[in-house]
Amino acid sequence: REKKEYAVTKLGGCCKVCGFNKYNSGLDIHHLDPSRKNPNFKSHRSWKKERIDKEIEHCMLLCKTCHAGVHSKDIIL
């Protein structure tokens, strides 16, 4: 939970599309370029903050609804 809170804060604390910020469990870290995503990112809980910083340089924060909309192409970033 601590590392997720850290990443959420670094990425602005709210969904970049709709502004949702009620709780962190409703927010996802979206990689703008999937080819740059580290395949081990799901286990980032064990990563040092510097490694997380490097990974999220090309990410944005989206709520779960907007994240689904981006992947279904209902929302174009």
C-alpha atoms as a PDB file:
ATOM      1  CA  ARG A   1       0.000   0.000   0.000  1.00  0.00           C
ATOM      2  CA  GLU A   2       2.857   2.403   0.825  1.00  0.00           C
ATOM      3  CA  LYS A   3       4.443   2.089  -2.646  1.00  0.00           C
ATOM      4  CA  LYS A   4       1.065   2.553  -4.393  1.00  0.00           C
ATOM      5  CA  GLU A   5       0.416   5.685  -2.330  1.00  0.00           C
ATOM      6  CA  TYR A   6       3.885   6.939  -3.235  1.00  0.00           C
ATOM      7  CA  ALA A   7       3.282   6.408  -6.979  1.00  0.00           C
ATOM      8  CA  VAL A   8      -0.199   7.947  -6.825  1.00  0.00           C
ATOM      9  CA  THR A   9       1.186  11.049  -5.125  1.00  0.00           C
ATOM     10  CA  LYS A  10       4.045  11.332  -7.654  1.00  0.00           C
ATOM     11  CA  LEU A  11       1.507  11.144 -10.504  1.00  0.00           C
ATOM     12  CA  GLY A  12      -0.667  13.927  -9.123  1.00  0.00           C
ATOM     13  CA  GLY A  13      -3.132  12.108  -6.882  1.00  0.00           C
ATOM     14  CA  CYS A  14      -6.131  12.084  -9.206  1.00  0.00           C
ATOM     15  CA  CYS A  15      -7.400  10.734 -12.499  1.00  0.00           C
ATOM     16  CA  LYS A  16      -6.049  12.888 -15.331  1.00  0.00           C
ATOM     17  CA  VAL A  17      -9.297  12.502 -17.285  1.00  0.00           C
ATOM     18  CA  CYS A  18     -12.090  13.008 -14.742  1.00  0.00           C
ATOM     19  CA  GLY A  19     -10.307  14.133 -11.564  1.00  0.00           C
ATOM     20  CA  PHE A  20     -11.425  11.201  -9.374  1.00  0.00           C
ATOM     21  CA  ASN A  21      -9.413  11.095  -6.145  1.00  0.00           C
ATOM     22  CA  LYS A  22     -11.693   9.619  -3.504  1.00  0.00           C
ATOM     23  CA  TYR A  23      -9.519   6.579  -2.740  1.00  0.00           C
ATOM     24  CA  ASN A  24      -6.276   5.166  -4.114  1.00  0.00           C
ATOM     25  CA  SER A  25      -7.686   1.695  -4.737  1.00  0.00           C
ATOM     26  CA  GLY A  26      -9.844   3.263  -7.453  1.00  0.00           C
ATOM     27  CA  LEU A  27      -6.796   4.598  -9.312  1.00  0.00           C
ATOM     28  CA  ASP A  28      -4.590   2.805 -11.840  1.00  0.00           C
ATOM     29  CA  ILE A  29      -1.153   3.624 -13.187  1.00  0.00           C
ATOM     30  CA  HIS A  30      -1.471   3.675 -16.973  1.00  0.00           C
ATOM     31  CA  HIS A  31       1.629   3.242 -19.137  1.00  0.00           C
ATOM     32  CA  LEU A  32       1.394   5.546 -22.144  1.00  0.00           C
ATOM     33  CA  ASP A  33       3.722   3.272 -24.113  1.00  0.00           C
ATOM     34  CA  PRO A  34       3.087  -0.384 -23.217  1.00  0.00           C
ATOM     35  CA  SER A  35       6.384  -1.434 -24.799  1.00  0.00           C
ATOM     36  CA  ARG A  36       8.206   0.486 -22.041  1.00  0.00           C
ATOM     37  CA  LYS A  37       6.339  -1.247 -19.215  1.00  0.00           C
ATOM     38  CA  ASN A  38       8.491  -3.466 -17.033  1.00  0.00           C
ATOM     39  CA  PRO A  39       6.824  -6.902 -17.000  1.00  0.00           C
ATOM     40  CA  ASN A  40       7.505  -7.094 -13.247  1.00  0.00           C
ATOM     41  CA  PHE A  41       5.686  -3.834 -12.473  1.00  0.00           C
ATOM     42  CA  LYS A  42       2.790  -5.678 -10.831  1.00  0.00           C
ATOM     43  CA  SER A  43       5.197  -6.613  -8.037  1.00  0.00           C
ATOM     44  CA  HIS A  44       6.473  -3.050  -7.569  1.00  0.00           C
ATOM     45  CA  ARG A  45       5.703  -3.300  -3.855  1.00  0.00           C
ATOM     46  CA  SER A  46       9.233  -4.603  -3.318  1.00  0.00           C
ATOM     47  CA  TRP A  47      10.882  -1.945  -5.523  1.00  0.00           C
ATOM     48  CA  LYS A  48      12.896   0.994  -4.238  1.00  0.00           C
ATOM     49  CA  LYS A  49      11.354   4.432  -4.810  1.00  0.00           C
ATOM     50  CA  GLU A  50      14.027   5.326  -7.380  1.00  0.00           C
ATOM     51  CA  ARG A  51      13.037   2.333  -9.500  1.00  0.00           C
ATOM     52  CA  ILE A  52       9.358   3.269  -9.223  1.00  0.00           C
ATOM     53  CA  ASP A  53      10.191   6.851 -10.258  1.00  0.00           C
ATOM     54  CA  LYS A  54      11.928   5.582 -13.379  1.00  0.00           C
ATOM     55  CA  GLU A  55       9.035   3.270 -14.258  1.00  0.00           C
ATOM     56  CA  ILE A  56       6.316   5.914 -13.887  1.00  0.00           C
ATOM     57  CA  GLU A  57       8.102   8.634 -15.870  1.00  0.00           C
ATOM     58  CA  HIS A  58       5.944   7.739 -18.873  1.00  0.00           C
ATOM     59  CA  CYS A  59       2.737   6.950 -17.006  1.00  0.00           C
ATOM     60  CA  MET A  60      -0.400   8.751 -15.996  1.00  0.00           C
ATOM     61  CA  LEU A  61      -2.944   8.178 -13.286  1.00  0.00           C
ATOM     62  CA  LEU A  62      -6.427   7.088 -14.336  1.00  0.00           C
ATOM     63  CA  CYS A  63      -9.444   5.946 -12.369  1.00  0.00           C
ATOM     64  CA  LYS A  64     -10.566   2.411 -13.137  1.00  0.00           C
ATOM     65  CA  THR A  65     -13.477   3.638 -15.296  1.00  0.00           C
ATOM     66  CA  CYS A  66     -11.352   5.979 -17.401  1.00  0.00           C
ATOM     67  CA  HIS A  67      -8.602   3.360 -17.634  1.00  0.00           C
ATOM     68  CA  ALA A  68     -11.114   0.894 -19.105  1.00  0.00           C
ATOM     69  CA  GLY A  69     -12.326   3.632 -21.462  1.00  0.00           C
ATOM     70  CA  VAL A  70      -8.795   4.267 -22.718  1.00  0.00           C
ATOM     71  CA  HIS A  71      -8.172   0.588 -23.394  1.00  0.00           C
ATOM     72  CA  SER A  72     -11.530   0.184 -25.163  1.00  0.00           C
ATOM     73  CA  LYS A  73     -10.764   3.351 -27.177  1.00  0.00           C
ATOM     74  CA  ASP A  74     -13.870   5.108 -25.848  1.00  0.00           C
ATOM     75  CA  ILE A  75     -11.463   7.724 -24.447  1.00  0.00           C
ATOM     76  CA  ILE A  76      -8.642   9.028 -26.615  1.00  0.00           C
ATOM     77  CA  LEU A  77      -5.763  10.603 -24.681  1.00  0.00           C
END
